[in-house]
């Protein structure tokens, strides 16, 4: 049986230390460690955070089009371990060209209630993929402010039922969290 991402992150932190793993992930997310380096000299770091001897299962050399996965895997780590200075790296990642990276940033923003990321995630409310819109809506509900309700309200009529349901929950969560009506 394969370890869960949480188990992989816990094992990496146990072996290398939480701060070291966080530093690696920040470096991957911000491009301090490039994709080419990640599959070169930094491969042991990538193996540690993915739990795979061949992250991605690709043949070498890895096609640079797949380098965004490194940033996805690095972002995912922050669902399980945290340090407050990670927010700066997530602000960079919130503008990443890869939607999967931004989706993870939204998930982290929702889980950790990181209001400072909400504005950067608002463009994803218009993304073509429902799962990206839903993640952005959830982040707004968990960490947004009163004025952000206007940004998600139009998605109450989204063609995708998961997005519509996320809007309903997000508006309720905003009202509860802010202790005032947003409708």
C-alpha atoms as a PDB file:
ATOM      1  CA  UNK A   1       0.000   0.000   0.000  1.00  0.00           C
ATOM      2  CA  UNK A   2       1.275   3.438  -0.917  1.00  0.00           C
ATOM      3  CA  UNK A   3       1.742   6.069   1.760  1.00  0.00           C
ATOM      4  CA  UNK A   4      -0.635   9.021   1.805  1.00  0.00           C
ATOM      5  CA  UNK A   5       0.777  12.492   1.087  1.00  0.00           C
ATOM      6  CA  UNK A   6       0.429  13.261   4.819  1.00  0.00           C
ATOM      7  CA  UNK A   7       2.495  10.171   5.682  1.00  0.00           C
ATOM      8  CA  UNK A   8       5.146  11.111   3.128  1.00  0.00           C
ATOM      9  CA  UNK A   9       5.432  14.640   4.527  1.00  0.00           C
ATOM     10  CA  UNK A  10       5.593  13.372   8.104  1.00  0.00           C
ATOM     11  CA  UNK A  11       8.345  10.909   7.148  1.00  0.00           C
ATOM     12  CA  UNK A  12      10.328  13.639   5.372  1.00  0.00           C
ATOM     13  CA  UNK A  13      10.007  15.927   8.392  1.00  0.00           C
ATOM     14  CA  UNK A  14      11.039  13.123  10.749  1.00  0.00           C
ATOM     15  CA  UNK A  15      14.120  12.398   8.658  1.00  0.00           C
ATOM     16  CA  UNK A  16      15.251  15.905   7.694  1.00  0.00           C
ATOM     17  CA  UNK A  17      13.443  18.230  10.092  1.00  0.00           C
ATOM     18  CA  UNK A  18      10.318  20.268   9.500  1.00  0.00           C
ATOM     19  CA  UNK A  19      12.152  23.540   8.840  1.00  0.00           C
ATOM     20  CA  UNK A  20      14.409  21.900   6.258  1.00  0.00           C
ATOM     21  CA  UNK A  21      11.446  20.381   4.400  1.00  0.00           C
ATOM     22  CA  UNK A  22       9.601  23.699   4.496  1.00  0.00           C
ATOM     23  CA  UNK A  23      12.683  25.497   3.158  1.00  0.00           C
ATOM     24  CA  UNK A  24      12.935  23.025   0.275  1.00  0.00           C
ATOM     25  CA  UNK A  25       9.282  23.513  -0.601  1.00  0.00           C
ATOM     26  CA  UNK A  26       9.569  27.293  -0.503  1.00  0.00           C
ATOM     27  CA  UNK A  27      12.572  27.021  -2.834  1.00  0.00           C
ATOM     28  CA  UNK A  28      10.629  24.763  -5.232  1.00  0.00           C
ATOM     29  CA  UNK A  29       7.557  27.030  -5.165  1.00  0.00           C
ATOM     30  CA  UNK A  30       9.444  30.253  -5.788  1.00  0.00           C
ATOM     31  CA  UNK A  31      11.748  28.865  -8.458  1.00  0.00           C
ATOM     32  CA  UNK A  32      14.852  29.186  -6.302  1.00  0.00           C
ATOM     33  CA  UNK A  33      15.291  25.510  -7.180  1.00  0.00           C
ATOM     34  CA  UNK A  34      14.462  25.186 -10.877  1.00  0.00           C
ATOM     35  CA  UNK A  35      12.729  22.229 -12.454  1.00  0.00           C
ATOM     36  CA  UNK A  36      15.958  21.129 -14.052  1.00  0.00           C
ATOM     37  CA  UNK A  37      17.738  21.268 -10.681  1.00  0.00           C
ATOM     38  CA  UNK A  38      14.848  19.427  -9.028  1.00  0.00           C
ATOM     39  CA  UNK A  39      15.435  16.481 -11.327  1.00  0.00           C
ATOM     40  CA  UNK A  40      19.202  16.874 -10.964  1.00  0.00           C
ATOM     41  CA  UNK A  41      21.140  17.774  -7.849  1.00  0.00           C
ATOM     42  CA  UNK A  42      17.985  18.479  -5.812  1.00  0.00           C
ATOM     43  CA  UNK A  43      16.300  15.169  -6.702  1.00  0.00           C
ATOM     44  CA  UNK A  44      16.714  13.741  -3.159  1.00  0.00           C
ATOM     45  CA  UNK A  45      14.660  16.684  -1.853  1.00  0.00           C
ATOM     46  CA  UNK A  46      11.943  16.029  -4.417  1.00  0.00           C
ATOM     47  CA  UNK A  47      11.972  12.309  -3.624  1.00  0.00           C
ATOM     48  CA  UNK A  48      11.589  13.122   0.083  1.00  0.00           C
ATOM     49  CA  UNK A  49       8.481  15.288  -0.396  1.00  0.00           C
ATOM     50  CA  UNK A  50       6.817  12.984  -2.943  1.00  0.00           C
ATOM     51  CA  UNK A  51       7.746   9.615  -1.496  1.00  0.00           C
ATOM     52  CA  UNK A  52       8.696   8.350  -4.950  1.00  0.00           C
ATOM     53  CA  UNK A  53      12.054   7.361  -6.380  1.00  0.00           C
ATOM     54  CA  UNK A  54      10.779   8.677  -9.714  1.00  0.00           C
ATOM     55  CA  UNK A  55       8.476  11.626  -8.994  1.00  0.00           C
ATOM     56  CA  UNK A  56       6.013  11.847 -11.836  1.00  0.00           C
ATOM     57  CA  UNK A  57       7.086   8.514 -13.259  1.00  0.00           C
ATOM     58  CA  UNK A  58       8.745  10.219 -16.198  1.00  0.00           C
ATOM     59  CA  UNK A  59      11.726   9.096 -18.184  1.00  0.00           C
ATOM     60  CA  UNK A  60      14.810  11.257 -18.049  1.00  0.00           C
ATOM     61  CA  UNK A  61      15.339  13.843 -19.140  1.00  0.00           C
ATOM     62  CA  UNK A  62      12.029  15.088 -17.804  1.00  0.00           C
ATOM     63  CA  UNK A  63      10.086  17.226 -20.258  1.00  0.00           C
ATOM     64  CA  UNK A  64      10.111  20.795 -18.882  1.00  0.00           C
ATOM     65  CA  UNK A  65       6.363  21.004 -19.539  1.00  0.00           C
ATOM     66  CA  UNK A  66       5.967  18.774 -16.462  1.00  0.00           C
ATOM     67  CA  UNK A  67       8.079  20.898 -14.121  1.00  0.00           C
ATOM     68  CA  UNK A  68       4.957  22.545 -12.708  1.00  0.00           C
ATOM     69  CA  UNK A  69       4.271  19.299 -10.827  1.00  0.00           C
ATOM     70  CA  UNK A  70       7.245  20.095  -8.614  1.00  0.00           C
ATOM     71  CA  UNK A  71       5.461  23.241  -7.466  1.00  0.00           C
ATOM     72  CA  UNK A  72       2.203  21.316  -6.956  1.00  0.00           C
ATOM     73  CA  UNK A  73       3.963  18.768  -4.745  1.00  0.00           C
ATOM     74  CA  UNK A  74       5.774  21.520  -2.844  1.00  0.00           C
ATOM     75  CA  UNK A  75       2.527  23.423  -2.218  1.00  0.00           C
ATOM     76  CA  UNK A  76       0.783  20.255  -1.062  1.00  0.00           C
ATOM     77  CA  UNK A  77       3.296  19.956   1.771  1.00  0.00           C
ATOM     78  CA  UNK A  78       1.806  23.080   3.362  1.00  0.00           C
ATOM     79  CA  UNK A  79      -1.471  21.280   3.919  1.00  0.00           C
ATOM     80  CA  UNK A  80       0.423  19.214   6.517  1.00  0.00           C
ATOM     81  CA  UNK A  81       3.203  21.407   7.916  1.00  0.00           C
ATOM     82  CA  UNK A  82       3.331  25.127   8.415  1.00  0.00           C
ATOM     83  CA  UNK A  83       5.467  28.097   9.234  1.00  0.00           C
ATOM     84  CA  UNK A  84       4.165  31.658   9.010  1.00  0.00           C
ATOM     85  CA  UNK A  85       6.827  32.869   6.569  1.00  0.00           C
ATOM     86  CA  UNK A  86       5.459  30.444   3.949  1.00  0.00           C
ATOM     87  CA  UNK A  87       2.787  33.017   3.065  1.00  0.00           C
ATOM     88  CA  UNK A  88       5.291  34.982   0.972  1.00  0.00           C
ATOM     89  CA  UNK A  89       6.019  31.922  -1.188  1.00  0.00           C
ATOM     90  CA  UNK A  90       2.293  31.231  -1.506  1.00  0.00           C
ATOM     91  CA  UNK A  91       1.730  34.795  -2.712  1.00  0.00           C
ATOM     92  CA  UNK A  92       4.197  34.054  -5.515  1.00  0.00           C
ATOM     93  CA  UNK A  93       2.537  30.697  -6.194  1.00  0.00           C
ATOM     94  CA  UNK A  94      -0.942  32.292  -6.329  1.00  0.00           C
ATOM     95  CA  UNK A  95       0.181  33.819  -9.648  1.00  0.00           C
ATOM     96  CA  UNK A  96       1.682  30.592 -10.977  1.00  0.00           C
ATOM     97  CA  UNK A  97       0.828  29.842 -14.619  1.00  0.00           C
ATOM     98  CA  UNK A  98      -0.165  26.279 -13.660  1.00  0.00           C
ATOM     99  CA  UNK A  99      -3.746  25.980 -12.421  1.00  0.00           C
ATOM    100  CA  UNK A 100      -2.938  22.981 -10.230  1.00  0.00           C
ATOM    101  CA  UNK A 101      -0.480  25.083  -8.256  1.00  0.00           C
ATOM    102  CA  UNK A 102      -3.030  27.873  -7.783  1.00  0.00           C
ATOM    103  CA  UNK A 103      -5.679  25.323  -6.809  1.00  0.00           C
ATOM    104  CA  UNK A 104      -3.389  24.077  -4.031  1.00  0.00           C
ATOM    105  CA  UNK A 105      -2.725  27.629  -2.891  1.00  0.00           C
ATOM    106  CA  UNK A 106      -6.489  28.126  -2.631  1.00  0.00           C
ATOM    107  CA  UNK A 107      -6.847  24.890  -0.649  1.00  0.00           C
ATOM    108  CA  UNK A 108      -4.117  26.030   1.746  1.00  0.00           C
ATOM    109  CA  UNK A 109      -5.639  29.513   2.037  1.00  0.00           C
ATOM    110  CA  UNK A 110      -8.990  27.939   2.956  1.00  0.00           C
ATOM    111  CA  UNK A 111      -7.526  25.439   5.402  1.00  0.00           C
ATOM    112  CA  UNK A 112      -5.314  27.966   7.175  1.00  0.00           C
ATOM    113  CA  UNK A 113      -7.640  30.969   6.760  1.00  0.00           C
ATOM    114  CA  UNK A 114      -5.017  33.074   4.995  1.00  0.00           C
ATOM    115  CA  UNK A 115      -6.858  36.270   4.161  1.00  0.00           C
ATOM    116  CA  UNK A 116      -3.736  37.838   2.686  1.00  0.00           C
ATOM    117  CA  UNK A 117      -4.014  35.408  -0.272  1.00  0.00           C
ATOM    118  CA  UNK A 118      -7.664  35.978  -1.149  1.00  0.00           C
ATOM    119  CA  UNK A 119      -7.220  38.903  -3.553  1.00  0.00           C
ATOM    120  CA  UNK A 120      -4.556  36.993  -5.488  1.00  0.00           C
ATOM    121  CA  UNK A 121      -6.968  34.062  -5.882  1.00  0.00           C
ATOM    122  CA  UNK A 122      -9.940  36.068  -7.181  1.00  0.00           C
ATOM    123  CA  UNK A 123      -8.992  35.643 -10.870  1.00  0.00           C
ATOM    124  CA  UNK A 124      -9.496  31.888 -10.465  1.00  0.00           C
ATOM    125  CA  UNK A 125     -13.188  32.490  -9.797  1.00  0.00           C
ATOM    126  CA  UNK A 126     -13.424  32.758 -13.597  1.00  0.00           C
ATOM    127  CA  UNK A 127     -11.266  29.731 -14.419  1.00  0.00           C
ATOM    128  CA  UNK A 128     -12.618  27.284 -16.989  1.00  0.00           C
ATOM    129  CA  UNK A 129     -12.314  24.291 -14.642  1.00  0.00           C
ATOM    130  CA  UNK A 130     -14.972  23.924 -11.942  1.00  0.00           C
ATOM    131  CA  UNK A 131     -12.501  22.474  -9.423  1.00  0.00           C
ATOM    132  CA  UNK A 132     -10.365  25.614  -9.641  1.00  0.00           C
ATOM    133  CA  UNK A 133     -13.388  27.898  -9.261  1.00  0.00           C
ATOM    134  CA  UNK A 134     -14.595  25.807  -6.323  1.00  0.00           C
ATOM    135  CA  UNK A 135     -11.215  25.986  -4.558  1.00  0.00           C
ATOM    136  CA  UNK A 136     -11.115  29.761  -5.001  1.00  0.00           C
ATOM    137  CA  UNK A 137     -14.670  30.100  -3.670  1.00  0.00           C
ATOM    138  CA  UNK A 138     -13.801  27.994  -0.611  1.00  0.00           C
ATOM    139  CA  UNK A 139     -10.761  30.199   0.057  1.00  0.00           C
ATOM    140  CA  UNK A 140     -12.934  33.314  -0.094  1.00  0.00           C
ATOM    141  CA  UNK A 141     -15.434  31.783   2.315  1.00  0.00           C
ATOM    142  CA  UNK A 142     -12.770  30.707   4.768  1.00  0.00           C
ATOM    143  CA  UNK A 143     -10.525  33.753   4.651  1.00  0.00           C
ATOM    144  CA  UNK A 144     -12.225  36.568   2.759  1.00  0.00           C
ATOM    145  CA  UNK A 145     -13.740  39.790   3.974  1.00  0.00           C
ATOM    146  CA  UNK A 146     -17.196  41.305   3.568  1.00  0.00           C
ATOM    147  CA  UNK A 147     -16.346  42.881   0.201  1.00  0.00           C
ATOM    148  CA  UNK A 148     -15.281  39.510  -1.221  1.00  0.00           C
ATOM    149  CA  UNK A 149     -18.852  38.219  -1.059  1.00  0.00           C
ATOM    150  CA  UNK A 150     -19.639  40.250  -4.184  1.00  0.00           C
ATOM    151  CA  UNK A 151     -16.906  38.382  -6.058  1.00  0.00           C
ATOM    152  CA  UNK A 152     -18.364  34.931  -5.374  1.00  0.00           C
ATOM    153  CA  UNK A 153     -22.074  35.743  -5.448  1.00  0.00           C
ATOM    154  CA  UNK A 154     -22.358  35.510  -9.297  1.00  0.00           C
ATOM    155  CA  UNK A 155     -21.090  31.929  -9.107  1.00  0.00           C
ATOM    156  CA  UNK A 156     -24.312  30.953  -7.326  1.00  0.00           C
ATOM    157  CA  UNK A 157     -25.544  30.428 -10.908  1.00  0.00           C
ATOM    158  CA  UNK A 158     -22.457  28.528 -12.064  1.00  0.00           C
ATOM    159  CA  UNK A 159     -23.177  25.666 -14.469  1.00  0.00           C
ATOM    160  CA  UNK A 160     -21.367  23.265 -12.130  1.00  0.00           C
ATOM    161  CA  UNK A 161     -23.303  22.081  -9.077  1.00  0.00           C
ATOM    162  CA  UNK A 162     -20.139  21.738  -6.931  1.00  0.00           C
ATOM    163  CA  UNK A 163     -19.315  25.399  -7.505  1.00  0.00           C
ATOM    164  CA  UNK A 164     -22.885  26.458  -6.693  1.00  0.00           C
ATOM    165  CA  UNK A 165     -22.783  24.429  -3.471  1.00  0.00           C
ATOM    166  CA  UNK A 166     -19.390  25.897  -2.576  1.00  0.00           C
ATOM    167  CA  UNK A 167     -20.797  29.416  -3.008  1.00  0.00           C
ATOM    168  CA  UNK A 168     -23.692  28.675  -0.681  1.00  0.00           C
ATOM    169  CA  UNK A 169     -21.334  27.277   1.969  1.00  0.00           C
ATOM    170  CA  UNK A 170     -18.837  30.107   1.477  1.00  0.00           C
ATOM    171  CA  UNK A 171     -21.451  32.832   1.919  1.00  0.00           C
ATOM    172  CA  UNK A 172     -22.722  31.141   5.070  1.00  0.00           C
ATOM    173  CA  UNK A 173     -19.181  30.775   6.364  1.00  0.00           C
ATOM    174  CA  UNK A 174     -18.435  34.442   5.640  1.00  0.00           C
ATOM    175  CA  UNK A 175     -21.560  35.486   7.545  1.00  0.00           C
ATOM    176  CA  UNK A 176     -20.710  33.278  10.500  1.00  0.00           C
ATOM    177  CA  UNK A 177     -17.058  34.264  10.573  1.00  0.00           C
ATOM    178  CA  UNK A 178     -17.674  38.000  10.109  1.00  0.00           C
ATOM    179  CA  UNK A 179     -20.799  37.970  12.281  1.00  0.00           C
ATOM    180  CA  UNK A 180     -22.772  40.006   9.772  1.00  0.00           C
ATOM    181  CA  UNK A 181     -25.000  39.342   6.761  1.00  0.00           C
ATOM    182  CA  UNK A 182     -23.345  39.268   3.347  1.00  0.00           C
ATOM    183  CA  UNK A 183     -26.406  38.562   1.200  1.00  0.00           C
END
